[in-house]
């Protein structure tokens, strides 16, 4: 599973989660730091990535367009990068279920 982290999440998550999400990327590191949501969406789709964001815009795009890409929407207020890492680690089974379910388009993490 390859994640694409949106700009509202730290690039350091790539290394922190490399053991369970190898080959993941961050929008800033692939030249999409100032890109529109649509450009990020298309990149995730073309590169078979799961889009991870704290922004509701990608959840809304998944409702309108379906998958791919699939979306993980983290609905948490201010929290540290370490907390985001732990959240994603704790939800690994749910993320795998998202990927394995052809009907599912998004996962909301509260």
N, C-alpha and C. Protein backbone atom coordinates (compact mmCIF):
# COMPACT_ATOMS: atom_id res chain seq x y z
N UNK A 1 0.84 -1.18 0.00
CA UNK A 1 0.00 0.00 0.00
C UNK A 1 0.88 1.24 0.00
N UNK A 2 0.53 2.14 -0.87
CA UNK A 2 1.28 3.38 -0.98
C UNK A 2 0.36 4.55 -0.65
N UNK A 3 0.78 5.36 0.31
CA UNK A 3 0.01 6.52 0.71
C UNK A 3 0.58 7.76 0.05
N UNK A 4 -0.29 8.72 -0.21
CA UNK A 4 0.12 10.06 -0.63
C UNK A 4 -0.40 11.02 0.43
N UNK A 5 0.53 11.61 1.18
CA UNK A 5 0.16 12.53 2.25
C UNK A 5 -0.06 13.92 1.70
N UNK A 6 -1.18 14.51 2.07
CA UNK A 6 -1.53 15.86 1.66
C UNK A 6 -0.63 16.87 2.38
N UNK A 7 -0.66 18.11 1.92
CA UNK A 7 0.21 19.14 2.46
C UNK A 7 -0.07 19.47 3.92
N UNK A 8 -1.22 19.12 4.44
CA UNK A 8 -1.53 19.42 5.85
C UNK A 8 -0.96 18.36 6.80
N UNK A 9 -0.25 17.39 6.27
CA UNK A 9 0.43 16.37 7.07
C UNK A 9 1.94 16.47 6.82
N UNK A 10 2.70 16.11 7.82
CA UNK A 10 4.17 16.28 7.77
C UNK A 10 4.83 15.28 6.81
N UNK A 11 5.80 15.76 6.04
CA UNK A 11 6.56 14.85 5.17
C UNK A 11 7.30 13.76 5.95
N UNK A 12 7.59 14.01 7.21
CA UNK A 12 8.32 13.01 8.01
C UNK A 12 7.51 11.73 8.22
N UNK A 13 6.22 11.76 7.93
CA UNK A 13 5.41 10.55 8.05
C UNK A 13 5.86 9.47 7.06
N UNK A 14 6.46 9.88 5.96
CA UNK A 14 6.94 8.91 4.97
C UNK A 14 7.92 7.94 5.62
N UNK A 15 8.91 8.48 6.29
CA UNK A 15 9.92 7.65 6.94
C UNK A 15 9.35 6.95 8.18
N UNK A 16 8.54 7.66 8.94
CA UNK A 16 7.99 7.10 10.18
C UNK A 16 7.12 5.87 9.92
N UNK A 17 6.48 5.82 8.75
CA UNK A 17 5.57 4.72 8.44
C UNK A 17 6.07 3.80 7.33
N UNK A 18 7.35 3.94 6.98
CA UNK A 18 7.90 3.17 5.87
C UNK A 18 7.82 1.66 6.07
N UNK A 19 7.79 1.22 7.32
CA UNK A 19 7.72 -0.22 7.57
C UNK A 19 6.36 -0.82 7.21
N UNK A 20 5.31 -0.04 7.27
CA UNK A 20 3.98 -0.57 6.93
C UNK A 20 3.39 0.04 5.66
N UNK A 21 3.89 1.19 5.26
CA UNK A 21 3.43 1.84 4.04
C UNK A 21 4.63 2.21 3.17
N UNK A 22 5.34 1.22 2.65
CA UNK A 22 6.53 1.52 1.85
C UNK A 22 6.15 2.26 0.56
N UNK A 23 7.07 3.01 0.07
CA UNK A 23 6.92 3.76 -1.19
C UNK A 23 5.94 4.92 -1.10
N UNK A 24 5.52 5.28 0.11
CA UNK A 24 4.60 6.41 0.26
C UNK A 24 5.31 7.71 -0.09
N UNK A 25 4.49 8.72 -0.38
CA UNK A 25 5.01 10.01 -0.84
C UNK A 25 4.27 11.14 -0.13
N UNK A 26 4.84 12.31 -0.25
CA UNK A 26 4.22 13.54 0.26
C UNK A 26 4.09 14.49 -0.91
N UNK A 27 2.99 15.23 -0.97
CA UNK A 27 2.76 16.11 -2.12
C UNK A 27 3.91 17.08 -2.34
N UNK A 28 4.50 17.59 -1.27
CA UNK A 28 5.60 18.55 -1.42
C UNK A 28 6.83 17.93 -2.07
N UNK A 29 7.02 16.64 -1.85
CA UNK A 29 8.21 15.96 -2.39
C UNK A 29 8.02 15.46 -3.81
N UNK A 30 6.81 15.55 -4.33
CA UNK A 30 6.57 15.15 -5.72
C UNK A 30 6.18 16.35 -6.58
N UNK A 31 6.46 17.55 -6.06
CA UNK A 31 6.22 18.76 -6.83
C UNK A 31 4.79 19.25 -6.82
N UNK A 32 3.99 18.83 -5.84
CA UNK A 32 2.59 19.22 -5.79
C UNK A 32 2.26 20.06 -4.56
N UNK A 33 3.27 20.69 -3.98
CA UNK A 33 3.06 21.47 -2.76
C UNK A 33 2.03 22.58 -2.90
N UNK A 34 1.97 23.21 -4.06
CA UNK A 34 1.03 24.31 -4.27
C UNK A 34 -0.05 23.92 -5.29
N UNK A 35 -0.20 22.63 -5.49
CA UNK A 35 -1.14 22.15 -6.52
C UNK A 35 -2.58 22.24 -6.03
N UNK A 36 -3.48 22.25 -6.98
CA UNK A 36 -4.91 22.23 -6.66
C UNK A 36 -5.30 20.84 -6.16
N UNK A 37 -6.44 20.77 -5.50
CA UNK A 37 -6.94 19.48 -5.03
C UNK A 37 -7.12 18.52 -6.20
N UNK A 38 -7.60 19.02 -7.31
CA UNK A 38 -7.81 18.18 -8.49
C UNK A 38 -6.49 17.60 -9.00
N UNK A 39 -5.43 18.41 -9.00
CA UNK A 39 -4.11 17.91 -9.44
C UNK A 39 -3.59 16.84 -8.50
N UNK A 40 -3.76 17.03 -7.21
CA UNK A 40 -3.33 16.03 -6.23
C UNK A 40 -4.15 14.75 -6.41
N UNK A 41 -5.45 14.91 -6.60
CA UNK A 41 -6.34 13.77 -6.83
C UNK A 41 -5.88 12.95 -8.04
N UNK A 42 -5.61 13.64 -9.14
CA UNK A 42 -5.18 12.95 -10.36
C UNK A 42 -3.85 12.25 -10.17
N UNK A 43 -2.92 12.89 -9.48
CA UNK A 43 -1.62 12.27 -9.21
C UNK A 43 -1.83 10.98 -8.41
N UNK A 44 -2.63 11.04 -7.35
CA UNK A 44 -2.89 9.85 -6.54
C UNK A 44 -3.52 8.74 -7.38
N UNK A 45 -4.46 9.11 -8.23
CA UNK A 45 -5.11 8.12 -9.09
C UNK A 45 -4.11 7.48 -10.04
N UNK A 46 -3.32 8.29 -10.71
CA UNK A 46 -2.35 7.79 -11.69
C UNK A 46 -1.24 6.95 -11.06
N UNK A 47 -0.91 7.22 -9.80
CA UNK A 47 0.18 6.51 -9.13
C UNK A 47 -0.31 5.45 -8.14
N UNK A 48 -1.60 5.13 -8.21
CA UNK A 48 -2.18 4.05 -7.40
C UNK A 48 -1.91 4.26 -5.91
N UNK A 49 -2.11 5.49 -5.47
CA UNK A 49 -1.87 5.85 -4.07
C UNK A 49 -3.19 6.05 -3.34
N UNK A 50 -3.14 5.85 -2.04
CA UNK A 50 -4.26 6.19 -1.17
C UNK A 50 -3.99 7.59 -0.65
N UNK A 51 -4.91 8.48 -0.88
CA UNK A 51 -4.74 9.88 -0.49
C UNK A 51 -5.09 10.04 0.99
N UNK A 52 -4.17 10.58 1.77
CA UNK A 52 -4.38 10.77 3.20
C UNK A 52 -4.36 12.26 3.50
N UNK A 53 -5.42 12.75 4.16
CA UNK A 53 -5.54 14.18 4.39
C UNK A 53 -6.35 14.45 5.65
N UNK A 54 -6.17 15.64 6.19
CA UNK A 54 -7.04 16.14 7.26
C UNK A 54 -8.08 17.09 6.69
N UNK A 55 -8.08 17.26 5.38
CA UNK A 55 -8.94 18.19 4.67
C UNK A 55 -10.18 17.46 4.13
N UNK A 56 -11.34 18.02 4.34
CA UNK A 56 -12.59 17.38 3.88
C UNK A 56 -12.74 17.40 2.35
N UNK A 57 -11.97 18.23 1.66
CA UNK A 57 -12.12 18.35 0.20
C UNK A 57 -11.94 17.01 -0.52
N UNK A 58 -10.98 16.21 -0.09
CA UNK A 58 -10.74 14.94 -0.77
C UNK A 58 -11.84 13.93 -0.46
N UNK A 59 -12.39 13.99 0.72
CA UNK A 59 -13.54 13.15 1.05
C UNK A 59 -14.70 13.52 0.11
N UNK A 60 -14.92 14.81 -0.07
CA UNK A 60 -15.99 15.27 -0.96
C UNK A 60 -15.74 14.82 -2.39
N UNK A 61 -14.49 14.89 -2.85
CA UNK A 61 -14.17 14.43 -4.20
C UNK A 61 -14.44 12.93 -4.33
N UNK A 62 -14.16 12.17 -3.27
CA UNK A 62 -14.41 10.73 -3.34
C UNK A 62 -15.91 10.44 -3.42
N UNK A 63 -16.72 11.27 -2.76
CA UNK A 63 -18.17 11.10 -2.86
C UNK A 63 -18.67 11.42 -4.26
N UNK A 64 -18.08 12.41 -4.89
CA UNK A 64 -18.49 12.81 -6.24
C UNK A 64 -17.95 11.88 -7.33
N UNK A 65 -16.69 11.47 -7.18
CA UNK A 65 -16.01 10.75 -8.25
C UNK A 65 -15.82 9.27 -8.01
N UNK A 66 -15.98 8.83 -6.78
CA UNK A 66 -15.66 7.44 -6.47
C UNK A 66 -14.16 7.23 -6.47
N UNK A 67 -13.77 5.98 -6.50
CA UNK A 67 -12.35 5.64 -6.49
C UNK A 67 -11.98 5.08 -7.86
N UNK A 68 -10.73 5.11 -8.24
CA UNK A 68 -9.58 5.60 -7.49
C UNK A 68 -9.42 7.10 -7.58
N UNK A 69 -8.65 7.67 -6.70
CA UNK A 69 -7.98 7.05 -5.56
C UNK A 69 -8.94 6.88 -4.39
N UNK A 70 -8.54 6.02 -3.50
CA UNK A 70 -9.26 5.90 -2.24
C UNK A 70 -8.70 6.95 -1.29
N UNK A 71 -9.50 7.33 -0.31
CA UNK A 71 -9.14 8.46 0.56
C UNK A 71 -9.23 8.03 2.02
N UNK A 72 -8.24 8.43 2.79
CA UNK A 72 -8.28 8.32 4.24
C UNK A 72 -8.37 9.75 4.77
N UNK A 73 -9.47 10.05 5.40
CA UNK A 73 -9.72 11.39 5.94
C UNK A 73 -9.55 11.33 7.46
N UNK A 74 -8.54 12.00 7.96
CA UNK A 74 -8.27 12.04 9.39
C UNK A 74 -8.97 13.25 9.97
N UNK A 75 -10.02 13.01 10.73
CA UNK A 75 -10.84 14.08 11.29
C UNK A 75 -10.44 14.32 12.75
N UNK A 76 -9.26 14.82 12.90
CA UNK A 76 -8.75 15.16 14.23
C UNK A 76 -8.33 16.62 14.20
N UNK A 77 -8.47 17.28 15.31
CA UNK A 77 -8.01 18.66 15.42
C UNK A 77 -6.49 18.69 15.43
N UNK A 78 -5.96 19.70 16.04
CA UNK A 78 -4.51 19.81 16.13
C UNK A 78 -3.94 18.62 16.88
N UNK A 79 -3.00 17.96 16.26
CA UNK A 79 -2.30 16.87 16.92
C UNK A 79 -0.91 16.76 16.31
N UNK A 80 -0.03 16.13 17.03
CA UNK A 80 1.36 16.04 16.60
C UNK A 80 1.51 15.03 15.47
N UNK A 81 2.64 15.11 14.81
CA UNK A 81 2.96 14.15 13.76
C UNK A 81 3.05 12.75 14.35
N UNK A 82 3.58 12.63 15.55
CA UNK A 82 3.66 11.33 16.22
C UNK A 82 2.26 10.77 16.46
N UNK A 83 1.31 11.62 16.84
CA UNK A 83 -0.06 11.16 17.04
C UNK A 83 -0.68 10.68 15.73
N UNK A 84 -0.41 11.39 14.65
CA UNK A 84 -0.91 10.97 13.33
C UNK A 84 -0.31 9.61 12.97
N UNK A 85 0.99 9.47 13.22
CA UNK A 85 1.64 8.18 12.95
C UNK A 85 0.95 7.06 13.73
N UNK A 86 0.71 7.26 15.00
CA UNK A 86 0.08 6.24 15.83
C UNK A 86 -1.36 5.95 15.39
N UNK A 87 -2.07 6.98 14.99
CA UNK A 87 -3.43 6.80 14.48
C UNK A 87 -3.40 5.89 13.25
N UNK A 88 -2.51 6.17 12.32
CA UNK A 88 -2.43 5.37 11.10
C UNK A 88 -1.97 3.94 11.40
N UNK A 89 -1.05 3.79 12.32
CA UNK A 89 -0.63 2.44 12.73
C UNK A 89 -1.80 1.67 13.35
N UNK A 90 -2.55 2.34 14.20
CA UNK A 90 -3.68 1.69 14.86
C UNK A 90 -4.81 1.36 13.90
N UNK A 91 -4.88 2.05 12.79
CA UNK A 91 -5.95 1.83 11.80
C UNK A 91 -5.48 1.02 10.60
N UNK A 92 -4.34 0.37 10.72
CA UNK A 92 -3.79 -0.39 9.61
C UNK A 92 -4.79 -1.41 9.07
N UNK A 93 -5.45 -2.14 9.94
CA UNK A 93 -6.42 -3.14 9.49
C UNK A 93 -7.58 -2.48 8.73
N UNK A 94 -8.02 -1.33 9.20
CA UNK A 94 -9.10 -0.61 8.51
C UNK A 94 -8.65 -0.10 7.15
N UNK A 95 -7.41 0.34 7.06
CA UNK A 95 -6.88 0.83 5.78
C UNK A 95 -6.75 -0.35 4.81
N UNK A 96 -6.30 -1.49 5.31
CA UNK A 96 -6.22 -2.68 4.45
C UNK A 96 -7.61 -3.09 3.96
N UNK A 97 -8.60 -2.99 4.83
CA UNK A 97 -9.98 -3.30 4.44
C UNK A 97 -10.47 -2.35 3.36
N UNK A 98 -10.13 -1.07 3.50
CA UNK A 98 -10.47 -0.07 2.49
C UNK A 98 -9.91 -0.47 1.13
N UNK A 99 -8.64 -0.84 1.13
CA UNK A 99 -7.97 -1.22 -0.12
C UNK A 99 -8.59 -2.48 -0.71
N UNK A 100 -8.90 -3.43 0.14
CA UNK A 100 -9.42 -4.71 -0.33
C UNK A 100 -10.88 -4.73 -0.72
N UNK A 101 -11.61 -3.69 -0.37
CA UNK A 101 -13.04 -3.65 -0.66
C UNK A 101 -13.28 -2.81 -1.92
N UNK A 102 -13.66 -3.44 -3.02
CA UNK A 102 -13.84 -2.68 -4.27
C UNK A 102 -14.98 -1.66 -4.20
N UNK A 103 -15.90 -1.83 -3.27
CA UNK A 103 -17.03 -0.90 -3.12
C UNK A 103 -16.66 0.33 -2.30
N UNK A 104 -15.65 0.23 -1.45
CA UNK A 104 -15.29 1.33 -0.54
C UNK A 104 -14.46 2.37 -1.28
N UNK A 105 -14.75 3.63 -0.97
CA UNK A 105 -14.00 4.73 -1.60
C UNK A 105 -13.24 5.57 -0.60
N UNK A 106 -13.65 5.52 0.68
CA UNK A 106 -12.97 6.34 1.67
C UNK A 106 -13.09 5.72 3.06
N UNK A 107 -12.20 6.17 3.93
CA UNK A 107 -12.20 5.79 5.33
C UNK A 107 -12.11 7.08 6.15
N UNK A 108 -13.03 7.26 7.08
CA UNK A 108 -12.99 8.40 7.97
C UNK A 108 -12.43 7.93 9.30
N UNK A 109 -11.39 8.60 9.77
CA UNK A 109 -10.79 8.28 11.06
C UNK A 109 -11.10 9.43 12.00
N UNK A 110 -11.81 9.11 13.06
CA UNK A 110 -12.19 10.14 14.05
C UNK A 110 -11.19 10.20 15.18
